[in-house]
Amino acid sequence: QVQLVESGGGSVQPGESLRLSCSVSGITPKHYTIAWFRQVPGKEREGVACTSGSDEDIYYADSVKGRFNIVRDNAKHAVYLQMDSLKPEDTAVYYCAADRFCYSDSVARPSEYNYWGQGTQVTVSS
């Protein structure tokens, strides 16, 4: 049974940092592309960062480049999203997902991912 579990969300002030964790079981993470998505009510889910199975391809949405960093730890079956210099517009539910594809332009497409976590809320507010 494939399971992805996110943790690390919370409420912070603008400019602060959070690290999200995605614990993966039931599959071998190094064989999969892992992506982080986020979604706010009324909007489509958007890919913010992804890393291919070999970590050869790592892409970020323009809105988070230079602030977010995706890191994979295959030994721990985990993928992390380090989020620095957080802004109010980063407020969303964040999801990790596993499948095959990662793109330089759109990062990741939700319709192409079969394995999802339950999401973790990130709120950035003063």
N, C-alpha and C. Protein backbone atom coordinates (compact mmCIF):
# COMPACT_ATOMS: atom_id res chain seq x y z
N GLN A 1 0.85 -1.19 0.00
CA GLN A 1 0.00 0.00 0.00
C GLN A 1 0.89 1.25 0.00
N VAL A 2 0.68 2.09 -1.00
CA VAL A 2 1.47 3.31 -1.11
C VAL A 2 0.90 4.37 -0.17
N GLN A 3 1.79 4.99 0.57
CA GLN A 3 1.35 6.03 1.50
C GLN A 3 2.35 7.17 1.52
N LEU A 4 1.84 8.39 1.39
CA LEU A 4 2.65 9.58 1.54
C LEU A 4 2.04 10.40 2.66
N VAL A 5 2.87 10.84 3.58
CA VAL A 5 2.39 11.58 4.74
C VAL A 5 3.19 12.86 4.88
N GLU A 6 2.50 13.99 4.78
CA GLU A 6 3.16 15.27 4.95
C GLU A 6 3.13 15.71 6.41
N SER A 7 4.12 16.48 6.78
CA SER A 7 4.14 17.08 8.12
C SER A 7 4.97 18.36 8.05
N GLY A 8 4.87 19.16 9.09
CA GLY A 8 5.71 20.36 9.17
C GLY A 8 5.00 21.66 8.87
N GLY A 9 3.73 21.59 8.49
CA GLY A 9 3.01 22.82 8.24
C GLY A 9 2.75 23.59 9.52
N GLY A 10 2.27 24.81 9.35
CA GLY A 10 1.97 25.62 10.52
C GLY A 10 1.73 27.06 10.14
N SER A 11 1.69 27.91 11.15
CA SER A 11 1.46 29.34 10.95
C SER A 11 2.73 30.10 11.28
N VAL A 12 3.16 30.93 10.35
CA VAL A 12 4.37 31.72 10.55
C VAL A 12 4.12 33.14 10.07
N GLN A 13 5.06 34.02 10.41
CA GLN A 13 4.98 35.39 9.93
C GLN A 13 5.77 35.55 8.63
N PRO A 14 5.45 36.56 7.85
CA PRO A 14 6.21 36.80 6.61
C PRO A 14 7.71 36.90 6.89
N GLY A 15 8.49 36.28 6.02
CA GLY A 15 9.94 36.28 6.16
C GLY A 15 10.49 35.09 6.92
N GLU A 16 9.63 34.37 7.60
CA GLU A 16 10.09 33.20 8.36
C GLU A 16 10.18 31.96 7.46
N SER A 17 10.60 30.85 8.06
CA SER A 17 10.84 29.62 7.31
C SER A 17 10.03 28.46 7.87
N LEU A 18 9.80 27.49 7.03
CA LEU A 18 9.22 26.21 7.43
C LEU A 18 9.87 25.12 6.60
N ARG A 19 9.94 23.92 7.17
CA ARG A 19 10.38 22.77 6.41
C ARG A 19 9.28 21.72 6.42
N LEU A 20 8.77 21.41 5.26
CA LEU A 20 7.78 20.36 5.13
C LEU A 20 8.48 19.03 4.87
N SER A 21 7.92 17.99 5.44
CA SER A 21 8.45 16.64 5.23
C SER A 21 7.39 15.78 4.57
N CYS A 22 7.84 14.90 3.71
CA CYS A 22 6.97 13.93 3.06
C CYS A 22 7.58 12.55 3.28
N SER A 23 6.91 11.75 4.09
CA SER A 23 7.37 10.40 4.36
C SER A 23 6.69 9.45 3.40
N VAL A 24 7.49 8.63 2.70
CA VAL A 24 6.98 7.77 1.63
C VAL A 24 7.13 6.31 2.01
N SER A 25 6.08 5.53 1.83
CA SER A 25 6.15 4.09 2.08
C SER A 25 5.35 3.37 0.99
N GLY A 26 5.69 2.12 0.80
CA GLY A 26 4.99 1.31 -0.19
C GLY A 26 5.58 1.36 -1.59
N ILE A 27 6.47 2.31 -1.81
CA ILE A 27 7.20 2.40 -3.07
C ILE A 27 8.64 2.76 -2.75
N THR A 28 9.51 2.59 -3.71
CA THR A 28 10.91 2.98 -3.54
C THR A 28 11.07 4.39 -4.07
N PRO A 29 11.21 5.39 -3.19
CA PRO A 29 11.18 6.78 -3.64
C PRO A 29 12.17 7.12 -4.74
N LYS A 30 13.33 6.47 -4.74
CA LYS A 30 14.35 6.85 -5.72
C LYS A 30 13.93 6.46 -7.14
N HIS A 31 12.90 5.65 -7.26
CA HIS A 31 12.41 5.26 -8.58
C HIS A 31 11.29 6.17 -9.08
N TYR A 32 10.94 7.17 -8.28
CA TYR A 32 9.82 8.02 -8.60
C TYR A 32 10.21 9.49 -8.59
N THR A 33 9.52 10.24 -9.43
CA THR A 33 9.55 11.69 -9.31
C THR A 33 8.66 12.08 -8.14
N ILE A 34 9.16 12.94 -7.29
CA ILE A 34 8.39 13.43 -6.15
C ILE A 34 8.16 14.92 -6.36
N ALA A 35 6.93 15.34 -6.20
CA ALA A 35 6.59 16.75 -6.39
C ALA A 35 5.84 17.29 -5.19
N TRP A 36 6.00 18.57 -4.98
CA TRP A 36 5.19 19.30 -4.00
C TRP A 36 4.23 20.20 -4.78
N PHE A 37 2.97 20.12 -4.37
CA PHE A 37 1.93 20.97 -4.93
C PHE A 37 1.35 21.82 -3.80
N ARG A 38 0.62 22.85 -4.19
CA ARG A 38 -0.14 23.61 -3.20
C ARG A 38 -1.46 24.04 -3.82
N GLN A 39 -2.41 24.27 -2.92
CA GLN A 39 -3.74 24.65 -3.39
C GLN A 39 -4.40 25.57 -2.38
N VAL A 40 -5.03 26.61 -2.90
CA VAL A 40 -5.85 27.49 -2.08
C VAL A 40 -7.28 27.33 -2.54
N PRO A 41 -8.24 27.59 -1.66
CA PRO A 41 -9.65 27.41 -2.04
C PRO A 41 -10.00 28.21 -3.28
N GLY A 42 -10.69 27.55 -4.20
CA GLY A 42 -11.15 28.23 -5.41
C GLY A 42 -10.14 28.28 -6.53
N LYS A 43 -8.95 27.76 -6.28
CA LYS A 43 -7.92 27.77 -7.33
C LYS A 43 -7.45 26.35 -7.62
N GLU A 44 -6.86 26.20 -8.78
CA GLU A 44 -6.33 24.89 -9.16
C GLU A 44 -5.07 24.56 -8.35
N ARG A 45 -4.86 23.28 -8.18
CA ARG A 45 -3.64 22.84 -7.52
C ARG A 45 -2.45 23.12 -8.44
N GLU A 46 -1.39 23.68 -7.89
CA GLU A 46 -0.24 24.04 -8.71
C GLU A 46 1.02 23.35 -8.19
N GLY A 47 1.86 22.95 -9.13
CA GLY A 47 3.14 22.36 -8.76
C GLY A 47 4.12 23.44 -8.36
N VAL A 48 4.79 23.29 -7.25
CA VAL A 48 5.76 24.29 -6.82
C VAL A 48 7.19 23.79 -6.89
N ALA A 49 7.40 22.48 -6.77
CA ALA A 49 8.76 21.94 -6.85
C ALA A 49 8.68 20.46 -7.15
N CYS A 50 9.66 19.97 -7.88
CA CYS A 50 9.70 18.53 -8.16
C CYS A 50 11.14 18.08 -8.34
N THR A 51 11.36 16.82 -8.06
CA THR A 51 12.67 16.24 -8.27
C THR A 51 12.48 14.86 -8.89
N SER A 52 13.18 14.61 -9.97
CA SER A 52 13.07 13.32 -10.64
C SER A 52 13.73 12.24 -9.79
N GLY A 53 13.47 10.99 -10.14
CA GLY A 53 13.97 9.88 -9.34
C GLY A 53 15.47 9.90 -9.14
N SER A 54 16.18 10.31 -10.14
CA SER A 54 17.64 10.35 -10.06
C SER A 54 18.14 11.70 -9.55
N ASP A 55 17.22 12.60 -9.29
CA ASP A 55 17.55 13.98 -8.92
C ASP A 55 18.27 14.72 -10.04
N GLU A 56 18.23 14.19 -11.24
CA GLU A 56 18.84 14.90 -12.37
C GLU A 56 18.05 16.13 -12.74
N ASP A 57 16.74 16.05 -12.58
CA ASP A 57 15.86 17.16 -12.92
C ASP A 57 15.19 17.67 -11.66
N ILE A 58 15.44 18.91 -11.35
CA ILE A 58 14.80 19.57 -10.22
C ILE A 58 14.26 20.90 -10.73
N TYR A 59 12.98 21.11 -10.55
CA TYR A 59 12.34 22.31 -11.07
C TYR A 59 11.51 22.99 -9.99
N TYR A 60 11.41 24.30 -10.15
CA TYR A 60 10.63 25.11 -9.23
C TYR A 60 9.71 26.04 -10.00
N ALA A 61 8.58 26.32 -9.42
CA ALA A 61 7.71 27.36 -9.97
C ALA A 61 8.42 28.71 -9.82
N ASP A 62 8.17 29.59 -10.77
CA ASP A 62 8.82 30.91 -10.73
C ASP A 62 8.54 31.64 -9.41
N SER A 63 7.36 31.42 -8.88
CA SER A 63 6.95 32.14 -7.67
C SER A 63 7.75 31.74 -6.44
N VAL A 64 8.45 30.61 -6.50
CA VAL A 64 9.18 30.16 -5.31
C VAL A 64 10.68 30.01 -5.56
N LYS A 65 11.13 30.24 -6.78
CA LYS A 65 12.55 30.10 -7.08
C LYS A 65 13.39 31.00 -6.19
N GLY A 66 14.46 30.43 -5.68
CA GLY A 66 15.35 31.18 -4.81
C GLY A 66 14.90 31.19 -3.36
N ARG A 67 13.68 30.72 -3.08
CA ARG A 67 13.17 30.69 -1.70
C ARG A 67 12.90 29.29 -1.22
N PHE A 68 12.49 28.40 -2.10
CA PHE A 68 12.16 27.02 -1.74
C PHE A 68 13.25 26.09 -2.25
N ASN A 69 13.45 25.01 -1.51
CA ASN A 69 14.46 24.02 -1.91
C ASN A 69 13.90 22.63 -1.64
N ILE A 70 13.88 21.77 -2.67
CA ILE A 70 13.39 20.40 -2.50
C ILE A 70 14.59 19.48 -2.34
N VAL A 71 14.53 18.65 -1.32
CA VAL A 71 15.65 17.76 -1.01
C VAL A 71 15.11 16.36 -0.77
N ARG A 72 15.77 15.41 -1.36
CA ARG A 72 15.37 14.01 -1.21
C ARG A 72 16.35 13.28 -0.31
N ASP A 73 15.86 12.45 0.58
CA ASP A 73 16.70 11.57 1.40
C ASP A 73 16.18 10.16 1.19
N ASN A 74 16.78 9.45 0.24
CA ASN A 74 16.29 8.12 -0.10
C ASN A 74 16.47 7.13 1.06
N ALA A 75 17.49 7.31 1.83
CA ALA A 75 17.73 6.40 2.96
C ALA A 75 16.60 6.48 3.98
N LYS A 76 16.02 7.66 4.12
CA LYS A 76 14.93 7.85 5.07
C LYS A 76 13.56 7.78 4.41
N HIS A 77 13.55 7.48 3.10
CA HIS A 77 12.28 7.46 2.36
C HIS A 77 11.52 8.76 2.58
N ALA A 78 12.22 9.87 2.44
CA ALA A 78 11.60 11.17 2.71
C ALA A 78 12.03 12.20 1.68
N VAL A 79 11.16 13.14 1.47
CA VAL A 79 11.46 14.30 0.63
C VAL A 79 11.03 15.54 1.41
N TYR A 80 11.87 16.55 1.39
CA TYR A 80 11.62 17.75 2.17
C TYR A 80 11.45 18.95 1.26
N LEU A 81 10.67 19.90 1.74
CA LEU A 81 10.55 21.18 1.06
C LEU A 81 10.93 22.26 2.07
N GLN A 82 12.12 22.80 1.91
CA GLN A 82 12.56 23.90 2.75
C GLN A 82 12.03 25.20 2.16
N MET A 83 11.27 25.92 2.95
CA MET A 83 10.63 27.15 2.48
C MET A 83 11.15 28.32 3.30
N ASP A 84 11.87 29.19 2.66
CA ASP A 84 12.43 30.38 3.32
C ASP A 84 11.76 31.64 2.79
N SER A 85 11.94 32.72 3.53
CA SER A 85 11.39 34.02 3.12
C SER A 85 9.92 33.90 2.72
N LEU A 86 9.16 33.27 3.57
CA LEU A 86 7.76 33.01 3.24
C LEU A 86 6.96 34.30 3.11
N LYS A 87 6.00 34.26 2.20
CA LYS A 87 5.15 35.41 1.91
C LYS A 87 3.69 35.03 2.17
N PRO A 88 2.83 36.00 2.40
CA PRO A 88 1.41 35.67 2.60
C PRO A 88 0.82 34.89 1.42
N GLU A 89 1.30 35.14 0.22
CA GLU A 89 0.77 34.42 -0.95
C GLU A 89 1.22 32.96 -1.01
N ASP A 90 2.09 32.55 -0.11
CA ASP A 90 2.47 31.14 -0.01
C ASP A 90 1.47 30.35 0.83
N THR A 91 0.53 31.04 1.43
CA THR A 91 -0.50 30.37 2.23
C THR A 91 -1.30 29.41 1.36
N ALA A 92 -1.35 28.15 1.77
CA ALA A 92 -2.03 27.11 0.99
C ALA A 92 -1.96 25.81 1.75
N VAL A 93 -2.69 24.82 1.24
CA VAL A 93 -2.47 23.45 1.67
C VAL A 93 -1.42 22.86 0.73
N TYR A 94 -0.39 22.28 1.32
CA TYR A 94 0.71 21.72 0.55
C TYR A 94 0.60 20.20 0.53
N TYR A 95 0.78 19.64 -0.67
CA TYR A 95 0.69 18.20 -0.86
C TYR A 95 1.98 17.68 -1.47
N CYS A 96 2.40 16.50 -1.07
CA CYS A 96 3.45 15.82 -1.82
C CYS A 96 2.80 14.71 -2.63
N ALA A 97 3.42 14.38 -3.73
CA ALA A 97 2.88 13.38 -4.63
C ALA A 97 4.02 12.66 -5.33
N ALA A 98 3.75 11.44 -5.76
CA ALA A 98 4.78 10.64 -6.42
C ALA A 98 4.25 10.08 -7.72
N ASP A 99 5.07 10.17 -8.74
CA ASP A 99 4.78 9.51 -10.01
C ASP A 99 5.99 9.64 -10.93
N ARG A 100 5.79 10.01 -12.17
CA ARG A 100 6.88 9.89 -13.13
C ARG A 100 7.43 11.18 -13.70
N PHE A 101 6.63 12.24 -13.76
CA PHE A 101 7.00 13.34 -14.64
C PHE A 101 7.23 14.66 -13.92
N CYS A 102 8.21 15.36 -14.45
CA CYS A 102 8.63 16.65 -13.92
C CYS A 102 8.99 17.51 -15.13
N TYR A 103 8.58 18.78 -15.11
CA TYR A 103 8.78 19.61 -16.30
C TYR A 103 9.45 20.93 -15.94
N SER A 104 10.25 21.44 -16.85
CA SER A 104 10.94 22.70 -16.59
C SER A 104 9.99 23.89 -16.64
N ASP A 105 8.90 23.77 -17.40
CA ASP A 105 7.99 24.92 -17.52
C ASP A 105 6.87 24.87 -16.50
N SER A 106 6.13 23.80 -16.45
CA SER A 106 4.98 23.72 -15.55
C SER A 106 5.27 22.98 -14.25
N VAL A 107 6.48 22.52 -14.07
CA VAL A 107 6.94 21.79 -12.88
C VAL A 107 6.29 20.42 -12.81
N ALA A 108 5.00 20.37 -12.48
CA ALA A 108 4.31 19.09 -12.36
C ALA A 108 2.82 19.32 -12.60
N ARG A 109 2.19 18.33 -13.18
CA ARG A 109 0.76 18.41 -13.52
C ARG A 109 -0.01 17.46 -12.62
N PRO A 110 -0.94 17.96 -11.84
CA PRO A 110 -1.65 17.09 -10.88
C PRO A 110 -2.28 15.87 -11.52
N SER A 111 -2.80 16.01 -12.74
CA SER A 111 -3.49 14.90 -13.39
C SER A 111 -2.56 13.72 -13.68
N GLU A 112 -1.26 13.96 -13.64
CA GLU A 112 -0.29 12.92 -13.97
C GLU A 112 0.24 12.20 -12.74
N TYR A 113 -0.27 12.55 -11.56
CA TYR A 113 0.22 11.94 -10.32
C TYR A 113 -0.84 11.04 -9.71
N ASN A 114 -0.44 9.83 -9.39
CA ASN A 114 -1.37 8.84 -8.85
C ASN A 114 -1.30 8.69 -7.34
N TYR A 115 -0.17 9.06 -6.75
CA TYR A 115 0.01 8.85 -5.31
C TYR A 115 0.11 10.21 -4.62
N TRP A 116 -0.75 10.41 -3.63
CA TRP A 116 -0.85 11.71 -2.96
C TRP A 116 -0.87 11.56 -1.45
N GLY A 117 -0.33 12.57 -0.79
CA GLY A 117 -0.51 12.68 0.65
C GLY A 117 -1.80 13.42 0.95
N GLN A 118 -2.07 13.58 2.25
CA GLN A 118 -3.34 14.19 2.69
C GLN A 118 -3.26 15.71 2.76
N GLY A 119 -2.05 16.26 2.71
CA GLY A 119 -1.88 17.71 2.73
C GLY A 119 -1.57 18.24 4.11
N THR A 120 -0.88 19.36 4.13
CA THR A 120 -0.57 20.05 5.38
C THR A 120 -0.74 21.55 5.14
N GLN A 121 -1.37 22.22 6.10
CA GLN A 121 -1.68 23.63 5.94
C GLN A 121 -0.47 24.50 6.28
N VAL A 122 -0.21 25.46 5.41
CA VAL A 122 0.81 26.48 5.67
C VAL A 122 0.12 27.83 5.62
N THR A 123 0.25 28.59 6.69
CA THR A 123 -0.36 29.92 6.76
C THR A 123 0.71 30.95 7.08
N VAL A 124 0.80 31.95 6.22
CA VAL A 124 1.79 33.02 6.40
C VAL A 124 1.02 34.32 6.60
N SER A 125 1.11 34.85 7.78
CA SER A 125 0.32 36.04 8.11
C SER A 125 0.99 36.81 9.23
N SER A 126 0.85 38.14 9.15
CA SER A 126 1.37 38.97 10.23
C SER A 126 0.28 39.27 11.24
